[in-house]
Amino acid sequence: MSQAVNEPTAYPAVHHVGIVVEAAFAALGALEAVLADVDVVAPLHDGRASRTGKYRTLRVSIRVDSRAELDALDRNLRAVTGVKLLL
């Protein structure tokens, strides 16, 4: 099976996550609660806004020990109301 482009071959690994939300997103506490369960390397911070200003990104860097841990984080972040897409 071929490796995904940005897929690390070994764990632990640091992943840089972009979280796309609407510009008026107000559930930062919910995201921080999800991130409390992982090793945060660079804290949650604002990224870029979309050209039209409707969406913005939030950025965070995390260290995970396994693909299963990364998959669980992905599911938990996507479950937060207002999260549109993970990068």
PDB file of N, CA and C in Angstrom:
ATOM      1  N   MET A   1       0.847  -1.169   0.000  1.00  0.00           N
ATOM      2  CA  MET A   1       0.000   0.000   0.000  1.00  0.00           C
ATOM      3  C   MET A   1       0.897   1.239   0.000  1.00  0.00           C
ATOM      4  N   SER A   2       0.574   2.225  -0.803  1.00  0.00           N
ATOM      5  CA  SER A   2       1.402   3.430  -0.876  1.00  0.00           C
ATOM      6  C   SER A   2       1.120   4.359   0.296  1.00  0.00           C
ATOM      7  N   GLN A   3       2.128   5.115   0.665  1.00  0.00           N
ATOM      8  CA  GLN A   3       2.070   6.050   1.774  1.00  0.00           C
ATOM      9  C   GLN A   3       1.416   7.351   1.315  1.00  0.00           C
ATOM     10  N   ALA A   4       0.546   7.955   2.130  1.00  0.00           N
ATOM     11  CA  ALA A   4      -0.030   9.264   1.823  1.00  0.00           C
ATOM     12  C   ALA A   4       1.092  10.300   1.793  1.00  0.00           C
ATOM     13  N   VAL A   5       0.897  11.384   1.078  1.00  0.00           N
ATOM     14  CA  VAL A   5       1.951  12.374   0.863  1.00  0.00           C
ATOM     15  C   VAL A   5       2.557  12.884   2.163  1.00  0.00           C
ATOM     16  N   ASN A   6       1.757  13.300   3.119  1.00  0.00           N
ATOM     17  CA  ASN A   6       2.284  13.874   4.360  1.00  0.00           C
ATOM     18  C   ASN A   6       2.227  12.903   5.531  1.00  0.00           C
ATOM     19  N   GLU A   7       2.054  11.638   5.256  1.00  0.00           N
ATOM     20  CA  GLU A   7       1.937  10.633   6.306  1.00  0.00           C
ATOM     21  C   GLU A   7       3.309  10.289   6.872  1.00  0.00           C
ATOM     22  N   PRO A   8       3.521  10.530   8.166  1.00  0.00           N
ATOM     23  CA  PRO A   8       4.808  10.151   8.745  1.00  0.00           C
ATOM     24  C   PRO A   8       4.951   8.633   8.776  1.00  0.00           C
ATOM     25  N   THR A   9       6.180   8.171   8.699  1.00  0.00           N
ATOM     26  CA  THR A   9       6.421   6.734   8.692  1.00  0.00           C
ATOM     27  C   THR A   9       6.615   6.187  10.089  1.00  0.00           C
ATOM     28  N   ALA A  10       6.800   7.059  11.062  1.00  0.00           N
ATOM     29  CA  ALA A  10       7.036   6.608  12.431  1.00  0.00           C
ATOM     30  C   ALA A  10       6.350   7.537  13.415  1.00  0.00           C
ATOM     31  N   TYR A  11       6.000   6.975  14.513  1.00  0.00           N
ATOM     32  CA  TYR A  11       5.416   7.758  15.609  1.00  0.00           C
ATOM     33  C   TYR A  11       6.334   7.638  16.803  1.00  0.00           C
ATOM     34  N   PRO A  12       6.392   8.616  17.690  1.00  0.00           N
ATOM     35  CA  PRO A  12       5.544   9.814  17.722  1.00  0.00           C
ATOM     36  C   PRO A  12       5.866  10.759  16.566  1.00  0.00           C
ATOM     37  N   ALA A  13       4.860  11.563  16.193  1.00  0.00           N
ATOM     38  CA  ALA A  13       5.009  12.509  15.093  1.00  0.00           C
ATOM     39  C   ALA A  13       4.275  13.802  15.431  1.00  0.00           C
ATOM     40  N   VAL A  14       4.783  14.904  14.908  1.00  0.00           N
ATOM     41  CA  VAL A  14       4.120  16.196  15.066  1.00  0.00           C
ATOM     42  C   VAL A  14       3.293  16.456  13.816  1.00  0.00           C
ATOM     43  N   HIS A  15       2.027  16.838  14.022  1.00  0.00           N
ATOM     44  CA  HIS A  15       1.121  17.175  12.924  1.00  0.00           C
ATOM     45  C   HIS A  15       0.675  18.618  13.097  1.00  0.00           C
ATOM     46  N   HIS A  16       0.626  19.338  11.988  1.00  0.00           N
ATOM     47  CA  HIS A  16       0.162  20.721  11.967  1.00  0.00           C
ATOM     48  C   HIS A  16      -1.245  20.695  11.385  1.00  0.00           C
ATOM     49  N   VAL A  17      -2.215  21.081  12.190  1.00  0.00           N
ATOM     50  CA  VAL A  17      -3.624  20.934  11.820  1.00  0.00           C
ATOM     51  C   VAL A  17      -4.229  22.300  11.557  1.00  0.00           C
ATOM     52  N   GLY A  18      -4.923  22.411  10.428  1.00  0.00           N
ATOM     53  CA  GLY A  18      -5.711  23.595  10.121  1.00  0.00           C
ATOM     54  C   GLY A  18      -7.181  23.259  10.320  1.00  0.00           C
ATOM     55  N   ILE A  19      -7.890  24.105  11.019  1.00  0.00           N
ATOM     56  CA  ILE A  19      -9.304  23.872  11.310  1.00  0.00           C
ATOM     57  C   ILE A  19     -10.080  25.009  10.656  1.00  0.00           C
ATOM     58  N   VAL A  20     -10.878  24.688   9.649  1.00  0.00           N
ATOM     59  CA  VAL A  20     -11.646  25.709   8.931  1.00  0.00           C
ATOM     60  C   VAL A  20     -12.991  25.877   9.624  1.00  0.00           C
ATOM     61  N   VAL A  21     -13.287  27.129   9.969  1.00  0.00           N
ATOM     62  CA  VAL A  21     -14.539  27.474  10.642  1.00  0.00           C
ATOM     63  C   VAL A  21     -15.112  28.726   9.979  1.00  0.00           C
ATOM     64  N   GLU A  22     -16.374  29.023  10.242  1.00  0.00           N
ATOM     65  CA  GLU A  22     -16.939  30.276   9.760  1.00  0.00           C
ATOM     66  C   GLU A  22     -16.313  31.427  10.538  1.00  0.00           C
ATOM     67  N   ALA A  23     -16.303  32.599   9.947  1.00  0.00           N
ATOM     68  CA  ALA A  23     -15.651  33.759  10.557  1.00  0.00           C
ATOM     69  C   ALA A  23     -16.198  34.066  11.951  1.00  0.00           C
ATOM     70  N   ALA A  24     -17.483  33.832  12.176  1.00  0.00           N
ATOM     71  CA  ALA A  24     -18.107  34.144  13.469  1.00  0.00           C
ATOM     72  C   ALA A  24     -18.050  32.981  14.454  1.00  0.00           C
ATOM     73  N   PHE A  25     -17.234  31.980  14.191  1.00  0.00           N
ATOM     74  CA  PHE A  25     -17.119  30.796  15.050  1.00  0.00           C
ATOM     75  C   PHE A  25     -16.845  31.218  16.496  1.00  0.00           C
ATOM     76  N   ALA A  26     -17.625  30.658  17.424  1.00  0.00           N
ATOM     77  CA  ALA A  26     -17.504  31.064  18.824  1.00  0.00           C
ATOM     78  C   ALA A  26     -17.325  29.890  19.777  1.00  0.00           C
ATOM     79  N   ALA A  27     -16.953  28.726  19.263  1.00  0.00           N
ATOM     80  CA  ALA A  27     -16.841  27.537  20.114  1.00  0.00           C
ATOM     81  C   ALA A  27     -15.377  27.179  20.399  1.00  0.00           C
ATOM     82  N   LEU A  28     -14.553  28.189  20.642  1.00  0.00           N
ATOM     83  CA  LEU A  28     -13.144  27.919  20.930  1.00  0.00           C
ATOM     84  C   LEU A  28     -12.982  27.020  22.151  1.00  0.00           C
ATOM     85  N   GLY A  29     -13.845  27.189  23.128  1.00  0.00           N
ATOM     86  CA  GLY A  29     -13.783  26.354  24.330  1.00  0.00           C
ATOM     87  C   GLY A  29     -13.951  24.878  24.013  1.00  0.00           C
ATOM     88  N   ALA A  30     -14.824  24.565  23.068  1.00  0.00           N
ATOM     89  CA  ALA A  30     -15.037  23.167  22.677  1.00  0.00           C
ATOM     90  C   ALA A  30     -13.788  22.606  22.004  1.00  0.00           C
ATOM     91  N   LEU A  31     -13.149  23.402  21.143  1.00  0.00           N
ATOM     92  CA  LEU A  31     -11.902  22.951  20.511  1.00  0.00           C
ATOM     93  C   LEU A  31     -10.811  22.755  21.554  1.00  0.00           C
ATOM     94  N   GLU A  32     -10.700  23.690  22.481  1.00  0.00           N
ATOM     95  CA  GLU A  32      -9.678  23.582  23.522  1.00  0.00           C
ATOM     96  C   GLU A  32      -9.910  22.364  24.402  1.00  0.00           C
ATOM     97  N   ALA A  33     -11.166  22.006  24.637  1.00  0.00           N
ATOM     98  CA  ALA A  33     -11.479  20.809  25.428  1.00  0.00           C
ATOM     99  C   ALA A  33     -11.001  19.552  24.698  1.00  0.00           C
ATOM    100  N   VAL A  34     -11.192  19.490  23.379  1.00  0.00           N
ATOM    101  CA  VAL A  34     -10.712  18.352  22.592  1.00  0.00           C
ATOM    102  C   VAL A  34      -9.186  18.304  22.644  1.00  0.00           C
ATOM    103  N   LEU A  35      -8.549  19.458  22.497  1.00  0.00           N
ATOM    104  CA  LEU A  35      -7.090  19.507  22.470  1.00  0.00           C
ATOM    105  C   LEU A  35      -6.456  19.239  23.832  1.00  0.00           C
ATOM    106  N   ALA A  36      -7.234  19.333  24.901  1.00  0.00           N
ATOM    107  CA  ALA A  36      -6.709  19.067  26.242  1.00  0.00           C
ATOM    108  C   ALA A  36      -6.264  17.619  26.399  1.00  0.00           C
ATOM    109  N   ASP A  37      -6.765  16.740  25.532  1.00  0.00           N
ATOM    110  CA  ASP A  37      -6.438  15.309  25.613  1.00  0.00           C
ATOM    111  C   ASP A  37      -5.217  14.915  24.800  1.00  0.00           C
ATOM    112  N   VAL A  38      -4.565  15.882  24.133  1.00  0.00           N
ATOM    113  CA  VAL A  38      -3.394  15.568  23.307  1.00  0.00           C
ATOM    114  C   VAL A  38      -2.224  16.457  23.704  1.00  0.00           C
ATOM    115  N   ASP A  39      -1.044  16.097  23.218  1.00  0.00           N
ATOM    116  CA  ASP A  39       0.178  16.854  23.491  1.00  0.00           C
ATOM    117  C   ASP A  39       0.271  17.997  22.478  1.00  0.00           C
ATOM    118  N   VAL A  40      -0.074  19.212  22.912  1.00  0.00           N
ATOM    119  CA  VAL A  40      -0.055  20.380  22.036  1.00  0.00           C
ATOM    120  C   VAL A  40       1.358  20.952  22.011  1.00  0.00           C
ATOM    121  N   VAL A  41       1.933  21.051  20.808  1.00  0.00           N
ATOM    122  CA  VAL A  41       3.283  21.562  20.621  1.00  0.00           C
ATOM    123  C   VAL A  41       3.261  23.070  20.373  1.00  0.00           C
ATOM    124  N   ALA A  42       2.322  23.535  19.555  1.00  0.00           N
ATOM    125  CA  ALA A  42       2.104  24.965  19.298  1.00  0.00           C
ATOM    126  C   ALA A  42       0.618  25.220  19.527  1.00  0.00           C
ATOM    127  N   PRO A  43       0.276  26.148  20.407  1.00  0.00           N
ATOM    128  CA  PRO A  43      -1.125  26.332  20.810  1.00  0.00           C
ATOM    129  C   PRO A  43      -2.029  26.798  19.667  1.00  0.00           C
ATOM    130  N   LEU A  44      -3.309  26.609  19.884  1.00  0.00           N
ATOM    131  CA  LEU A  44      -4.339  27.031  18.946  1.00  0.00           C
ATOM    132  C   LEU A  44      -4.214  28.534  18.706  1.00  0.00           C
ATOM    133  N   HIS A  45      -4.170  28.921  17.428  1.00  0.00           N
ATOM    134  CA  HIS A  45      -4.056  30.338  17.084  1.00  0.00           C
ATOM    135  C   HIS A  45      -4.737  30.595  15.742  1.00  0.00           C
ATOM    136  N   ASP A  46      -5.003  31.866  15.480  1.00  0.00           N
ATOM    137  CA  ASP A  46      -5.640  32.239  14.219  1.00  0.00           C
ATOM    138  C   ASP A  46      -4.713  32.006  13.047  1.00  0.00           C
ATOM    139  N   GLY A  47      -5.295  31.546  11.956  1.00  0.00           N
ATOM    140  CA  GLY A  47      -4.583  31.392  10.696  1.00  0.00           C
ATOM    141  C   GLY A  47      -5.066  32.462   9.735  1.00  0.00           C
ATOM    142  N   ARG A  48      -5.372  32.057   8.529  1.00  0.00           N
ATOM    143  CA  ARG A  48      -5.791  33.005   7.505  1.00  0.00           C
ATOM    144  C   ARG A  48      -7.298  33.052   7.371  1.00  0.00           C
ATOM    145  N   ALA A  49      -7.792  34.162   6.844  1.00  0.00           N
ATOM    146  CA  ALA A  49      -9.207  34.304   6.513  1.00  0.00           C
ATOM    147  C   ALA A  49      -9.381  34.020   5.027  1.00  0.00           C
ATOM    148  N   SER A  50     -10.570  33.569   4.651  1.00  0.00           N
ATOM    149  CA  SER A  50     -10.847  33.346   3.234  1.00  0.00           C
ATOM    150  C   SER A  50     -10.897  34.692   2.506  1.00  0.00           C
ATOM    151  N   ARG A  51     -10.774  34.634   1.219  1.00  0.00           N
ATOM    152  CA  ARG A  51     -10.768  35.857   0.415  1.00  0.00           C
ATOM    153  C   ARG A  51     -12.037  36.667   0.635  1.00  0.00           C
ATOM    154  N   THR A  52     -13.171  35.995   0.784  1.00  0.00           N
ATOM    155  CA  THR A  52     -14.447  36.690   0.967  1.00  0.00           C
ATOM    156  C   THR A  52     -14.727  37.036   2.429  1.00  0.00           C
ATOM    157  N   GLY A  53     -13.922  36.490   3.337  1.00  0.00           N
ATOM    158  CA  GLY A  53     -14.121  36.754   4.753  1.00  0.00           C
ATOM    159  C   GLY A  53     -15.164  35.882   5.419  1.00  0.00           C
ATOM    160  N   LYS A  54     -15.727  34.924   4.708  1.00  0.00           N
ATOM    161  CA  LYS A  54     -16.758  34.060   5.279  1.00  0.00           C
ATOM    162  C   LYS A  54     -16.172  32.998   6.205  1.00  0.00           C
ATOM    163  N   TYR A  55     -14.960  32.539   5.892  1.00  0.00           N
ATOM    164  CA  TYR A  55     -14.318  31.483   6.671  1.00  0.00           C
ATOM    165  C   TYR A  55     -12.953  31.942   7.164  1.00  0.00           C
ATOM    166  N   ARG A  56     -12.469  31.246   8.185  1.00  0.00           N
ATOM    167  CA  ARG A  56     -11.108  31.479   8.673  1.00  0.00           C
ATOM    168  C   ARG A  56     -10.544  30.147   9.141  1.00  0.00           C
ATOM    169  N   THR A  57      -9.239  30.115   9.299  1.00  0.00           N
ATOM    170  CA  THR A  57      -8.630  28.902   9.825  1.00  0.00           C
ATOM    171  C   THR A  57      -8.072  29.169  11.212  1.00  0.00           C
ATOM    172  N   LEU A  58      -8.070  28.126  11.985  1.00  0.00           N
ATOM    173  CA  LEU A  58      -7.385  28.092  13.267  1.00  0.00           C
ATOM    174  C   LEU A  58      -6.286  27.053  13.095  1.00  0.00           C
ATOM    175  N   ARG A  59      -5.134  27.288  13.664  1.00  0.00           N
ATOM    176  CA  ARG A  59      -3.985  26.391  13.497  1.00  0.00           C
ATOM    177  C   ARG A  59      -3.547  25.868  14.857  1.00  0.00           C
ATOM    178  N   VAL A  60      -3.064  24.634  14.874  1.00  0.00           N
ATOM    179  CA  VAL A  60      -2.513  24.029  16.079  1.00  0.00           C
ATOM    180  C   VAL A  60      -1.537  22.935  15.645  1.00  0.00           C
ATOM    181  N   SER A  61      -0.488  22.750  16.402  1.00  0.00           N
ATOM    182  CA  SER A  61       0.449  21.656  16.158  1.00  0.00           C
ATOM    183  C   SER A  61       0.404  20.719  17.346  1.00  0.00           C
ATOM    184  N   ILE A  62       0.301  19.436  17.053  1.00  0.00           N
ATOM    185  CA  ILE A  62       0.162  18.425  18.108  1.00  0.00           C
ATOM    186  C   ILE A  62       1.134  17.285  17.872  1.00  0.00           C
ATOM    187  N   ARG A  63       1.507  16.616  18.946  1.00  0.00           N
ATOM    188  CA  ARG A  63       2.343  15.413  18.857  1.00  0.00           C
ATOM    189  C   ARG A  63       1.455  14.227  19.225  1.00  0.00           C
ATOM    190  N   VAL A  64       1.440  13.230  18.351  1.00  0.00           N
ATOM    191  CA  VAL A  64       0.658  12.019  18.606  1.00  0.00           C
ATOM    192  C   VAL A  64       1.588  10.813  18.600  1.00  0.00           C
ATOM    193  N   ASP A  65       1.195   9.797  19.322  1.00  0.00           N
ATOM    194  CA  ASP A  65       2.013   8.594  19.444  1.00  0.00           C
ATOM    195  C   ASP A  65       1.613   7.472  18.496  1.00  0.00           C
ATOM    196  N   SER A  66       0.459   7.625  17.814  1.00  0.00           N
ATOM    197  CA  SER A  66       0.007   6.566  16.914  1.00  0.00           C
ATOM    198  C   SER A  66      -1.004   7.113  15.925  1.00  0.00           C
ATOM    199  N   ARG A  67      -1.215   6.363  14.862  1.00  0.00           N
ATOM    200  CA  ARG A  67      -2.233   6.734  13.873  1.00  0.00           C
ATOM    201  C   ARG A  67      -3.617   6.702  14.520  1.00  0.00           C
ATOM    202  N   ALA A  68      -3.841   5.773  15.423  1.00  0.00           N
ATOM    203  CA  ALA A  68      -5.137   5.687  16.113  1.00  0.00           C
ATOM    204  C   ALA A  68      -5.413   6.956  16.918  1.00  0.00           C
ATOM    205  N   GLU A  69      -4.390   7.498  17.566  1.00  0.00           N
ATOM    206  CA  GLU A  69      -4.554   8.737  18.326  1.00  0.00           C
ATOM    207  C   GLU A  69      -4.886   9.903  17.385  1.00  0.00           C
ATOM    208  N   LEU A  70      -4.233   9.959  16.236  1.00  0.00           N
ATOM    209  CA  LEU A  70      -4.510  11.000  15.250  1.00  0.00           C
ATOM    210  C   LEU A  70      -5.932  10.869  14.708  1.00  0.00           C
ATOM    211  N   ASP A  71      -6.358   9.655  14.421  1.00  0.00           N
ATOM    212  CA  ASP A  71      -7.724   9.425  13.926  1.00  0.00           C
ATOM    213  C   ASP A  71      -8.766   9.828  14.958  1.00  0.00           C
ATOM    214  N   ALA A  72      -8.520   9.543  16.230  1.00  0.00           N
ATOM    215  CA  ALA A  72      -9.455   9.932  17.295  1.00  0.00           C
ATOM    216  C   ALA A  72      -9.546  11.454  17.402  1.00  0.00           C
ATOM    217  N   LEU A  73      -8.405  12.132  17.317  1.00  0.00           N
ATOM    218  CA  LEU A  73      -8.412  13.595  17.353  1.00  0.00           C
ATOM    219  C   LEU A  73      -9.200  14.140  16.175  1.00  0.00           C
ATOM    220  N   ASP A  74      -8.992  13.587  15.000  1.00  0.00           N
ATOM    221  CA  ASP A  74      -9.727  14.009  13.798  1.00  0.00           C
ATOM    222  C   ASP A  74     -11.230  13.896  14.027  1.00  0.00           C
ATOM    223  N   ARG A  75     -11.690  12.755  14.520  1.00  0.00           N
ATOM    224  CA  ARG A  75     -13.124  12.547  14.779  1.00  0.00           C
ATOM    225  C   ARG A  75     -13.643  13.554  15.798  1.00  0.00           C
ATOM    226  N   ASN A  76     -12.886  13.779  16.876  1.00  0.00           N
ATOM    227  CA  ASN A  76     -13.339  14.674  17.937  1.00  0.00           C
ATOM    228  C   ASN A  76     -13.387  16.129  17.477  1.00  0.00           C
ATOM    229  N   LEU A  77     -12.413  16.554  16.684  1.00  0.00           N
ATOM    230  CA  LEU A  77     -12.441  17.932  16.169  1.00  0.00           C
ATOM    231  C   LEU A  77     -13.594  18.125  15.192  1.00  0.00           C
ATOM    232  N   ARG A  78     -13.823  17.144  14.317  1.00  0.00           N
ATOM    233  CA  ARG A  78     -14.922  17.246  13.347  1.00  0.00           C
ATOM    234  C   ARG A  78     -16.286  17.257  14.030  1.00  0.00           C
ATOM    235  N   ALA A  79     -16.373  16.710  15.237  1.00  0.00           N
ATOM    236  CA  ALA A  79     -17.646  16.661  15.952  1.00  0.00           C
ATOM    237  C   ALA A  79     -18.020  18.000  16.589  1.00  0.00           C
ATOM    238  N   VAL A  80     -17.077  18.936  16.654  1.00  0.00           N
ATOM    239  CA  VAL A  80     -17.363  20.245  17.249  1.00  0.00           C
ATOM    240  C   VAL A  80     -18.255  21.031  16.282  1.00  0.00           C
ATOM    241  N   THR A  81     -19.361  21.519  16.789  1.00  0.00           N
ATOM    242  CA  THR A  81     -20.291  22.299  15.989  1.00  0.00           C
ATOM    243  C   THR A  81     -19.601  23.535  15.420  1.00  0.00           C
ATOM    244  N   GLY A  82     -19.708  23.708  14.114  1.00  0.00           N
ATOM    245  CA  GLY A  82     -19.108  24.862  13.453  1.00  0.00           C
ATOM    246  C   GLY A  82     -17.813  24.563  12.729  1.00  0.00           C
ATOM    247  N   VAL A  83     -17.209  23.406  12.995  1.00  0.00           N
ATOM    248  CA  VAL A  83     -16.000  23.017  12.262  1.00  0.00           C
ATOM    249  C   VAL A  83     -16.450  22.539  10.876  1.00  0.00           C
ATOM    250  N   LYS A  84     -15.914  23.175   9.848  1.00  0.00           N
ATOM    251  CA  LYS A  84     -16.316  22.862   8.473  1.00  0.00           C
ATOM    252  C   LYS A  84     -15.385  21.864   7.810  1.00  0.00           C
ATOM    253  N   LEU A  85     -14.082  21.954   8.110  1.00  0.00           N
ATOM    254  CA  LEU A  85     -13.098  21.142   7.405  1.00  0.00           C
ATOM    255  C   LEU A  85     -11.812  21.116   8.204  1.00  0.00           C
ATOM    256  N   LEU A  86     -11.096  19.997   8.149  1.00  0.00           N
ATOM    257  CA  LEU A  86      -9.767  19.911   8.739  1.00  0.00           C
ATOM    258  C   LEU A  86      -8.749  19.801   7.618  1.00  0.00           C
ATOM    259  N   LEU A  87      -7.653  20.514   7.777  1.00  0.00           N
ATOM    260  CA  LEU A  87      -6.568  20.481   6.793  1.00  0.00           C
ATOM    261  C   LEU A  87      -5.366  19.815   7.416  1.00  0.00           C
TER     262      LEU A  87
END
